[in-house]
C-alpha cells in the first residue's frame, strides 16, 4: 500500500512539472473574448503556413524541437494563429490592416489596445525580446508633456491654440 501511494505521489508530481502543451486558437474572435474575460495578453500570428516567405518560422510557435525557454516565452499569452489564405483569415488580416506576412501583434490584457505589431520575417532574438517586453500585457505609460514655451510672458495666460502667433 505504501509503495502504491509513493508511486502515485511521484506520478502526480511528474505530471505537475510536465510542460503545458502550447495550444493555439484558430479563431481570433474566441481568443479575443478569452483575453477580455481573463488577464492574459493576446499574441496573434497571421501568416500563410504553406509559403516559405509569408509564414512565421515554425520553431518560434511550435513545441516540436523547441527548448523549454522558447515555450516559457509563450506561457503568459493567449495564443491565436490565423491562416490568412482562408476567407476568415483575410477578414482578420483586414481588421489588423496587415498586408505583409507574417504579421505578429500583441494585444494588451484588456483586449483593447495593440501594444506591439510587426509585419515581415521576425528573427528568434527579436521574437524573444518582444515576448519578454510585453508579457505583462500592460500598456506603456504615457507622460504628459507641456507645450508651454519657456520664454512666455507669465502675465499672459498660455493658449495652445495660439502657438503659431508671433509675439
N, C-alpha and C. Protein backbone atom coordinates (compact mmCIF):
# COMPACT_ATOMS: atom_id res chain seq x y z
N UNK A 1 0.83 -1.20 0.00
CA UNK A 1 0.00 0.00 0.00
C UNK A 1 0.87 1.25 0.00
N UNK A 2 1.93 1.25 0.83
CA UNK A 2 2.80 2.40 0.92
C UNK A 2 3.52 2.65 -0.40
N UNK A 3 3.97 1.57 -1.05
CA UNK A 3 4.68 1.76 -2.31
C UNK A 3 3.72 2.27 -3.40
N UNK A 4 2.45 1.83 -3.36
CA UNK A 4 1.46 2.31 -4.31
C UNK A 4 1.23 3.81 -4.12
N UNK A 5 1.13 4.23 -2.87
CA UNK A 5 0.93 5.65 -2.55
C UNK A 5 2.14 6.47 -2.98
N UNK A 6 3.33 5.96 -2.76
CA UNK A 6 4.55 6.66 -3.16
C UNK A 6 4.61 6.78 -4.68
N UNK A 7 4.24 5.71 -5.39
CA UNK A 7 4.26 5.74 -6.85
C UNK A 7 3.23 6.74 -7.39
N UNK A 8 2.05 6.75 -6.80
CA UNK A 8 1.01 7.69 -7.22
C UNK A 8 1.44 9.12 -6.97
N UNK A 9 2.06 9.37 -5.82
CA UNK A 9 2.54 10.72 -5.50
C UNK A 9 3.62 11.16 -6.48
N UNK A 10 4.52 10.26 -6.82
CA UNK A 10 5.58 10.56 -7.78
C UNK A 10 4.99 10.87 -9.16
N UNK A 11 4.00 10.08 -9.58
CA UNK A 11 3.37 10.29 -10.89
C UNK A 11 2.66 11.64 -10.95
N UNK A 12 1.95 12.00 -9.90
CA UNK A 12 1.26 13.29 -9.85
C UNK A 12 2.28 14.42 -9.88
N UNK A 13 3.39 14.26 -9.17
CA UNK A 13 4.45 15.27 -9.16
C UNK A 13 5.05 15.45 -10.54
N UNK A 14 5.25 14.36 -11.25
CA UNK A 14 5.82 14.44 -12.60
C UNK A 14 4.84 15.12 -13.56
N UNK A 15 3.56 14.83 -13.43
CA UNK A 15 2.56 15.47 -14.28
C UNK A 15 2.48 16.97 -14.01
N UNK A 16 2.64 17.34 -12.76
CA UNK A 16 2.56 18.76 -12.40
C UNK A 16 3.73 19.53 -12.97
N UNK A 17 4.89 18.88 -13.11
CA UNK A 17 6.07 19.58 -13.63
C UNK A 17 6.21 19.45 -15.13
N UNK A 18 5.41 18.60 -15.76
CA UNK A 18 5.49 18.45 -17.21
C UNK A 18 5.04 19.75 -17.87
N UNK A 19 5.75 20.17 -18.93
CA UNK A 19 5.38 21.43 -19.57
C UNK A 19 3.98 21.37 -20.17
N UNK A 20 3.25 22.45 -20.00
CA UNK A 20 1.91 22.56 -20.56
C UNK A 20 2.04 22.69 -22.08
N UNK A 21 1.28 21.88 -22.83
CA UNK A 21 1.42 21.96 -24.29
C UNK A 21 0.97 23.33 -24.81
N UNK A 22 1.63 23.76 -25.87
CA UNK A 22 1.30 25.03 -26.49
C UNK A 22 0.03 24.83 -27.31
N UNK A 23 -1.02 25.62 -27.02
CA UNK A 23 -2.27 25.49 -27.75
C UNK A 23 -2.62 26.82 -28.40
N UNK A 24 -2.75 26.80 -29.71
CA UNK A 24 -3.07 27.99 -30.48
C UNK A 24 -4.54 27.95 -30.88
N UNK A 25 -5.23 29.02 -30.61
CA UNK A 25 -6.63 29.17 -31.03
C UNK A 25 -6.62 29.63 -32.48
N UNK A 26 -7.51 29.08 -33.31
CA UNK A 26 -7.57 29.48 -34.71
C UNK A 26 -8.59 30.59 -34.95
N UNK A 27 -9.44 30.83 -33.98
CA UNK A 27 -10.45 31.86 -34.10
C UNK A 27 -10.02 33.10 -33.32
N UNK A 28 -9.78 34.19 -34.04
CA UNK A 28 -9.39 35.43 -33.39
C UNK A 28 -10.49 35.92 -32.44
N UNK A 29 -11.74 35.77 -32.84
CA UNK A 29 -12.87 36.21 -32.00
C UNK A 29 -12.89 35.49 -30.67
N UNK A 30 -12.71 34.17 -30.68
CA UNK A 30 -12.69 33.39 -29.43
C UNK A 30 -11.49 33.77 -28.57
N UNK A 31 -10.33 33.95 -29.20
CA UNK A 31 -9.13 34.30 -28.45
C UNK A 31 -9.26 35.68 -27.82
N UNK A 32 -9.83 36.63 -28.55
CA UNK A 32 -10.03 37.97 -28.01
C UNK A 32 -11.03 37.95 -26.86
N UNK A 33 -12.08 37.19 -27.00
CA UNK A 33 -13.08 37.06 -25.94
C UNK A 33 -12.44 36.47 -24.67
N UNK A 34 -11.61 35.46 -24.84
CA UNK A 34 -10.92 34.84 -23.69
C UNK A 34 -9.96 35.83 -23.04
N UNK A 35 -9.30 36.65 -23.83
CA UNK A 35 -8.39 37.66 -23.29
C UNK A 35 -9.17 38.67 -22.46
N UNK A 36 -10.30 39.11 -22.99
CA UNK A 36 -11.11 40.09 -22.27
C UNK A 36 -11.69 39.51 -20.98
N UNK A 37 -11.96 38.21 -20.97
CA UNK A 37 -12.51 37.56 -19.78
C UNK A 37 -11.42 37.29 -18.74
N UNK A 38 -10.18 37.13 -19.19
CA UNK A 38 -9.08 36.83 -18.28
C UNK A 38 -8.17 38.03 -18.12
N UNK A 39 -6.94 37.75 -17.77
CA UNK A 39 -5.96 38.82 -17.58
C UNK A 39 -4.67 38.56 -18.35
N UNK A 40 -4.77 37.81 -19.45
CA UNK A 40 -3.59 37.49 -20.24
C UNK A 40 -3.56 38.32 -21.51
N UNK A 41 -2.39 38.81 -21.90
CA UNK A 41 -2.30 39.48 -23.20
C UNK A 41 -2.50 38.46 -24.31
N UNK A 42 -2.81 38.94 -25.49
CA UNK A 42 -3.10 38.07 -26.63
C UNK A 42 -2.00 38.22 -27.68
N UNK A 43 -1.42 37.10 -28.05
CA UNK A 43 -0.41 37.05 -29.11
C UNK A 43 -1.10 36.52 -30.37
N UNK A 44 -1.12 37.34 -31.42
CA UNK A 44 -1.79 36.97 -32.67
C UNK A 44 -0.73 36.84 -33.76
N UNK A 45 -0.76 35.71 -34.45
CA UNK A 45 0.13 35.48 -35.58
C UNK A 45 -0.73 35.26 -36.81
N UNK A 46 -0.55 36.11 -37.81
CA UNK A 46 -1.25 35.98 -39.09
C UNK A 46 -0.20 35.59 -40.13
N UNK A 47 -0.41 34.48 -40.81
CA UNK A 47 0.56 34.08 -41.82
C UNK A 47 -0.05 33.16 -42.85
N UNK A 48 0.79 32.79 -43.81
CA UNK A 48 0.42 31.83 -44.85
C UNK A 48 1.29 30.60 -44.59
N UNK A 49 0.75 29.61 -43.87
CA UNK A 49 1.56 28.48 -43.43
C UNK A 49 2.27 27.70 -44.53
N UNK A 50 1.74 27.70 -45.74
CA UNK A 50 2.35 26.93 -46.83
C UNK A 50 3.32 27.74 -47.68
N UNK A 51 3.64 28.95 -47.25
CA UNK A 51 4.54 29.80 -48.01
C UNK A 51 5.82 30.03 -47.20
N UNK A 52 6.95 29.76 -47.79
CA UNK A 52 8.23 29.96 -47.10
C UNK A 52 8.45 31.43 -46.73
N UNK A 53 8.04 32.33 -47.61
CA UNK A 53 8.29 33.75 -47.39
C UNK A 53 7.27 34.43 -46.49
N UNK A 54 6.06 33.90 -46.41
CA UNK A 54 4.98 34.59 -45.70
C UNK A 54 4.49 33.84 -44.47
N UNK A 55 5.32 32.97 -43.93
CA UNK A 55 4.93 32.26 -42.71
C UNK A 55 5.92 32.56 -41.59
N UNK A 56 5.44 32.44 -40.38
CA UNK A 56 6.31 32.60 -39.22
C UNK A 56 7.15 31.32 -39.12
N UNK A 57 8.36 31.47 -38.66
CA UNK A 57 9.22 30.29 -38.55
C UNK A 57 8.58 29.29 -37.58
N UNK A 58 8.38 28.05 -38.01
CA UNK A 58 7.68 27.06 -37.18
C UNK A 58 8.31 26.85 -35.80
N UNK A 59 9.62 26.96 -35.70
CA UNK A 59 10.26 26.71 -34.40
C UNK A 59 9.93 27.79 -33.38
N UNK A 60 9.42 28.94 -33.82
CA UNK A 60 9.04 30.00 -32.89
C UNK A 60 7.69 29.74 -32.23
N UNK A 61 6.82 28.99 -32.91
CA UNK A 61 5.45 28.84 -32.38
C UNK A 61 5.06 27.41 -32.04
N UNK A 62 5.90 26.44 -32.34
CA UNK A 62 5.53 25.05 -32.03
C UNK A 62 6.44 24.51 -30.96
N UNK A 63 5.98 23.44 -30.32
CA UNK A 63 6.82 22.85 -29.30
C UNK A 63 7.73 21.78 -29.86
N UNK A 64 7.57 21.42 -31.12
CA UNK A 64 8.45 20.45 -31.75
C UNK A 64 9.84 21.05 -31.91
N UNK A 65 10.80 20.48 -31.25
CA UNK A 65 12.17 20.97 -31.36
C UNK A 65 12.42 22.25 -30.58
N UNK A 66 11.43 22.74 -29.87
CA UNK A 66 11.61 23.97 -29.09
C UNK A 66 12.23 23.66 -27.74
N UNK A 67 13.06 24.56 -27.30
CA UNK A 67 13.60 24.41 -25.97
C UNK A 67 12.53 24.86 -24.97
N UNK A 68 12.70 24.46 -23.73
CA UNK A 68 11.76 24.88 -22.69
C UNK A 68 11.72 26.39 -22.56
N UNK A 69 12.83 27.04 -22.85
CA UNK A 69 12.90 28.50 -22.76
C UNK A 69 11.96 29.17 -23.76
N UNK A 70 11.92 28.65 -24.98
CA UNK A 70 11.04 29.23 -26.00
C UNK A 70 9.57 29.01 -25.66
N UNK A 71 9.26 27.85 -25.08
CA UNK A 71 7.88 27.58 -24.66
C UNK A 71 7.51 28.50 -23.51
N UNK A 72 8.44 28.74 -22.61
CA UNK A 72 8.20 29.64 -21.47
C UNK A 72 7.83 31.05 -21.94
N UNK A 73 8.39 31.49 -23.06
CA UNK A 73 8.07 32.81 -23.60
C UNK A 73 6.60 32.92 -23.98
N UNK A 74 5.99 31.82 -24.38
CA UNK A 74 4.60 31.83 -24.84
C UNK A 74 3.59 31.70 -23.69
N UNK A 75 4.02 31.20 -22.54
CA UNK A 75 3.09 30.89 -21.44
C UNK A 75 2.26 32.08 -20.95
N UNK A 76 2.79 33.30 -20.87
CA UNK A 76 1.96 34.40 -20.35
C UNK A 76 0.85 34.84 -21.30
N UNK A 77 0.80 34.31 -22.51
CA UNK A 77 -0.10 34.80 -23.54
C UNK A 77 -1.24 33.84 -23.86
N UNK A 78 -2.37 34.43 -24.27
CA UNK A 78 -3.38 33.68 -25.02
C UNK A 78 -2.80 33.64 -26.43
N UNK A 79 -2.95 32.54 -27.11
CA UNK A 79 -2.31 32.37 -28.41
C UNK A 79 -3.34 32.21 -29.52
N UNK A 80 -3.15 32.95 -30.60
CA UNK A 80 -4.05 32.88 -31.74
C UNK A 80 -3.21 32.86 -33.02
N UNK A 81 -3.41 31.84 -33.84
CA UNK A 81 -2.68 31.68 -35.10
C UNK A 81 -3.71 31.56 -36.21
N UNK A 82 -3.72 32.52 -37.13
CA UNK A 82 -4.72 32.57 -38.18
C UNK A 82 -4.05 32.42 -39.54
N UNK A 83 -4.59 31.51 -40.33
CA UNK A 83 -4.13 31.29 -41.71
C UNK A 83 -4.84 32.29 -42.61
N UNK A 84 -4.08 33.22 -43.19
CA UNK A 84 -4.68 34.29 -43.99
C UNK A 84 -5.03 33.87 -45.41
N UNK A 85 -4.79 32.61 -45.76
CA UNK A 85 -5.19 32.14 -47.08
C UNK A 85 -6.66 31.75 -47.09
N UNK A 86 -7.29 31.70 -45.92
CA UNK A 86 -8.72 31.38 -45.85
C UNK A 86 -9.53 32.67 -45.90
N UNK A 87 -10.81 32.53 -46.16
CA UNK A 87 -11.70 33.70 -46.20
C UNK A 87 -11.74 34.38 -44.83
N UNK A 88 -11.84 33.56 -43.78
CA UNK A 88 -11.85 34.10 -42.42
C UNK A 88 -10.53 34.82 -42.12
N UNK A 89 -9.43 34.20 -42.49
CA UNK A 89 -8.12 34.79 -42.26
C UNK A 89 -7.95 36.12 -42.97
N UNK A 90 -8.51 36.26 -44.15
CA UNK A 90 -8.43 37.52 -44.89
C UNK A 90 -9.20 38.62 -44.17
N UNK A 91 -10.32 38.26 -43.55
CA UNK A 91 -11.09 39.25 -42.78
C UNK A 91 -10.30 39.70 -41.55
N UNK A 92 -9.65 38.77 -40.89
CA UNK A 92 -8.86 39.11 -39.71
C UNK A 92 -7.67 39.99 -40.12
N UNK A 93 -7.02 39.64 -41.22
CA UNK A 93 -5.89 40.43 -41.72
C UNK A 93 -6.34 41.85 -42.05
N UNK A 94 -7.51 41.98 -42.62
CA UNK A 94 -8.05 43.30 -42.95
C UNK A 94 -8.30 44.11 -41.67
N UNK A 95 -8.80 43.45 -40.63
CA UNK A 95 -9.05 44.13 -39.36
C UNK A 95 -7.74 44.66 -38.77
N UNK A 96 -6.64 43.93 -38.97
CA UNK A 96 -5.33 44.37 -38.48
C UNK A 96 -4.61 45.27 -39.48
N UNK A 97 -5.22 45.49 -40.64
CA UNK A 97 -4.61 46.27 -41.73
C UNK A 97 -3.25 45.68 -42.12
N UNK A 98 -3.18 44.36 -42.08
CA UNK A 98 -1.95 43.65 -42.41
C UNK A 98 -1.93 43.32 -43.90
N UNK A 99 -0.86 43.71 -44.55
CA UNK A 99 -0.71 43.42 -45.98
C UNK A 99 0.50 42.54 -46.24
N UNK A 100 1.49 42.62 -45.35
CA UNK A 100 2.70 41.80 -45.46
C UNK A 100 2.65 40.74 -44.38
N UNK A 101 3.07 39.54 -44.74
CA UNK A 101 3.01 38.43 -43.81
C UNK A 101 4.37 37.76 -43.71
N UNK A 102 4.66 37.18 -42.57
CA UNK A 102 3.82 37.03 -41.39
C UNK A 102 3.60 38.38 -40.69
N UNK A 103 2.51 38.46 -39.96
CA UNK A 103 2.19 39.65 -39.17
C UNK A 103 1.95 39.19 -37.74
N UNK A 104 2.65 39.82 -36.81
CA UNK A 104 2.54 39.47 -35.39
C UNK A 104 2.01 40.69 -34.64
N UNK A 105 1.06 40.46 -33.75
CA UNK A 105 0.52 41.53 -32.92
C UNK A 105 0.36 41.01 -31.49
N UNK A 106 0.60 41.91 -30.54
CA UNK A 106 0.34 41.60 -29.14
C UNK A 106 -0.68 42.62 -28.67
N UNK A 107 -1.77 42.12 -28.10
CA UNK A 107 -2.85 42.96 -27.61
C UNK A 107 -2.81 42.94 -26.09
N UNK A 108 -3.01 44.10 -25.47
CA UNK A 108 -2.92 44.21 -24.02
C UNK A 108 -3.91 43.28 -23.32
N UNK A 109 -3.74 43.13 -22.02
CA UNK A 109 -4.54 42.16 -21.27
C UNK A 109 -6.02 42.53 -21.16
N UNK A 110 -6.38 43.76 -21.52
CA UNK A 110 -7.79 44.12 -21.54
C UNK A 110 -8.43 43.78 -22.88
N UNK A 111 -7.61 43.44 -23.86
CA UNK A 111 -8.12 43.10 -25.18
C UNK A 111 -8.54 44.30 -25.99
N UNK A 112 -8.00 45.49 -25.65
CA UNK A 112 -8.47 46.70 -26.32
C UNK A 112 -7.41 47.46 -27.11
N UNK A 113 -6.13 47.23 -26.84
CA UNK A 113 -5.08 48.02 -27.50
C UNK A 113 -3.97 47.11 -28.00
N UNK A 114 -3.58 47.31 -29.26
CA UNK A 114 -2.41 46.61 -29.80
C UNK A 114 -1.18 47.31 -29.25
N UNK A 115 -0.37 46.58 -28.47
CA UNK A 115 0.81 47.18 -27.86
C UNK A 115 2.10 46.84 -28.60
N UNK A 116 2.01 45.94 -29.58
CA UNK A 116 3.17 45.60 -30.41
C UNK A 116 2.65 45.01 -31.71
N UNK A 117 3.29 45.36 -32.81
CA UNK A 117 2.99 44.70 -34.08
C UNK A 117 4.20 44.76 -34.98
N UNK A 118 4.29 43.75 -35.83
CA UNK A 118 5.39 43.69 -36.80
C UNK A 118 4.94 42.87 -37.98
N UNK A 119 5.22 43.37 -39.17
CA UNK A 119 4.96 42.63 -40.40
C UNK A 119 6.29 42.21 -41.00
N UNK A 120 6.32 41.05 -41.61
CA UNK A 120 7.54 40.55 -42.22
C UNK A 120 8.23 39.55 -41.31
N UNK A 121 9.31 39.00 -41.82
CA UNK A 121 10.06 37.99 -41.08
C UNK A 121 10.51 38.53 -39.73
N UNK A 122 10.47 37.67 -38.73
CA UNK A 122 10.91 38.04 -37.39
C UNK A 122 11.92 36.99 -36.94
N UNK A 123 13.05 37.47 -36.50
CA UNK A 123 14.10 36.57 -36.05
C UNK A 123 13.86 36.09 -34.63
N UNK A 124 14.58 35.07 -34.27
CA UNK A 124 14.43 34.46 -32.95
C UNK A 124 14.72 35.45 -31.83
N UNK A 125 15.75 36.26 -31.98
CA UNK A 125 16.10 37.24 -30.94
C UNK A 125 15.04 38.32 -30.81
N UNK A 126 14.54 38.82 -31.94
CA UNK A 126 13.50 39.85 -31.92
C UNK A 126 12.21 39.30 -31.33
N UNK A 127 11.89 38.05 -31.66
CA UNK A 127 10.72 37.37 -31.12
C UNK A 127 10.80 37.30 -29.59
N UNK A 128 11.94 36.83 -29.10
CA UNK A 128 12.12 36.68 -27.66
C UNK A 128 12.05 38.04 -26.96
N UNK A 129 12.66 39.04 -27.56
CA UNK A 129 12.66 40.38 -26.97
C UNK A 129 11.24 40.94 -26.88
N UNK A 130 10.46 40.81 -27.94
CA UNK A 130 9.08 41.32 -27.96
C UNK A 130 8.21 40.59 -26.94
N UNK A 131 8.32 39.26 -26.89
CA UNK A 131 7.51 38.49 -25.96
C UNK A 131 7.88 38.78 -24.52
N UNK A 132 9.15 38.96 -24.26
CA UNK A 132 9.59 39.27 -22.90
C UNK A 132 9.14 40.66 -22.48
N UNK A 133 9.25 41.62 -23.37
CA UNK A 133 8.90 43.00 -23.05
C UNK A 133 7.41 43.17 -22.76
N UNK A 134 6.55 42.45 -23.45
CA UNK A 134 5.11 42.68 -23.36
C UNK A 134 4.35 41.60 -22.59
N UNK A 135 5.06 40.72 -21.89
CA UNK A 135 4.40 39.59 -21.23
C UNK A 135 3.42 40.00 -20.13
N UNK A 136 3.59 41.19 -19.57
CA UNK A 136 2.66 41.64 -18.53
C UNK A 136 1.33 42.09 -19.12
N UNK A 137 1.33 42.42 -20.41
CA UNK A 137 0.11 42.88 -21.05
C UNK A 137 -0.27 44.29 -20.68
N UNK A 138 0.67 45.02 -20.09
CA UNK A 138 0.42 46.41 -19.69
C UNK A 138 0.78 47.35 -20.83
N UNK A 139 -0.02 48.40 -20.97
CA UNK A 139 0.31 49.44 -21.94
C UNK A 139 1.41 50.31 -21.36
N UNK A 140 2.23 50.85 -22.22
CA UNK A 140 3.28 51.76 -21.77
C UNK A 140 2.65 53.02 -21.20
N UNK A 141 3.23 53.50 -20.12
CA UNK A 141 2.73 54.73 -19.51
C UNK A 141 3.04 55.90 -20.43
N UNK A 142 2.08 56.77 -20.61
CA UNK A 142 2.26 57.95 -21.45
C UNK A 142 2.39 59.14 -20.53
N UNK A 143 3.50 59.84 -20.68
CA UNK A 143 3.69 61.02 -19.83
C UNK A 143 3.10 62.24 -20.53
N UNK A 144 2.57 63.11 -19.75
CA UNK A 144 2.01 64.36 -20.28
C UNK A 144 3.15 65.34 -20.48
N UNK A 145 3.17 65.96 -21.62
CA UNK A 145 4.22 66.92 -21.95
C UNK A 145 3.58 68.29 -22.06
N UNK A 146 4.20 69.24 -21.45
CA UNK A 146 3.70 70.61 -21.54
C UNK A 146 4.31 71.26 -22.77
N UNK A 147 3.49 71.90 -23.55
CA UNK A 147 3.96 72.57 -24.75
C UNK A 147 4.09 74.07 -24.54
N UNK A 148 4.12 74.46 -23.30
CA UNK A 148 4.22 75.87 -22.97
C UNK A 148 5.63 76.36 -23.32
N UNK A 149 5.74 77.40 -24.12
CA UNK A 149 7.06 77.91 -24.47
C UNK A 149 7.79 78.41 -23.21
N UNK A 150 9.10 78.19 -23.18
CA UNK A 150 9.86 78.55 -21.98
C UNK A 150 9.98 80.06 -21.80
N UNK A 151 9.94 80.81 -22.85
CA UNK A 151 10.11 82.26 -22.73
C UNK A 151 8.79 83.01 -22.75
N UNK A 152 7.70 82.35 -22.34
CA UNK A 152 6.40 83.01 -22.42
C UNK A 152 6.24 84.05 -21.32
N UNK A 153 5.35 84.94 -21.57
CA UNK A 153 5.05 86.02 -20.63
C UNK A 153 4.20 85.45 -19.49
N UNK A 154 4.67 85.50 -18.23
CA UNK A 154 3.91 84.93 -17.13
C UNK A 154 2.62 85.69 -16.84
N UNK A 155 2.50 86.94 -17.29
CA UNK A 155 1.29 87.71 -17.05
C UNK A 155 0.19 87.36 -18.06
N UNK A 156 0.59 86.81 -19.18
CA UNK A 156 -0.37 86.47 -20.23
C UNK A 156 -0.62 84.95 -20.17
N UNK A 157 -1.88 84.53 -20.03
CA UNK A 157 -2.14 83.09 -19.96
C UNK A 157 -1.74 82.38 -21.26
N UNK A 158 -1.31 81.16 -21.12
CA UNK A 158 -0.88 80.36 -22.26
C UNK A 158 -2.07 79.71 -22.93
N UNK A 159 -2.14 79.81 -24.23
CA UNK A 159 -3.22 79.21 -25.02
C UNK A 159 -2.58 78.33 -26.09
N UNK A 160 -2.80 77.00 -26.03
CA UNK A 160 -2.18 76.11 -27.02
C UNK A 160 -2.64 76.41 -28.45
N UNK A 161 -3.83 76.97 -28.61
CA UNK A 161 -4.31 77.32 -29.95
C UNK A 161 -3.60 78.52 -30.52
N UNK A 162 -2.92 79.27 -29.67
CA UNK A 162 -2.24 80.50 -30.11
C UNK A 162 -0.74 80.26 -30.35
N UNK A 163 -0.31 79.01 -30.38
CA UNK A 163 1.12 78.73 -30.50
C UNK A 163 1.73 79.33 -31.75
N UNK A 164 0.99 79.40 -32.82
CA UNK A 164 1.52 79.85 -34.10
C UNK A 164 1.62 81.37 -34.21
N UNK A 165 1.00 82.05 -33.31
CA UNK A 165 1.03 83.51 -33.39
C UNK A 165 2.42 84.03 -33.03
N UNK A 166 2.82 85.06 -33.72
CA UNK A 166 4.10 85.71 -33.44
C UNK A 166 3.89 86.78 -32.37
N UNK A 167 4.75 86.82 -31.42
CA UNK A 167 4.66 87.84 -30.36
C UNK A 167 5.65 88.95 -30.60
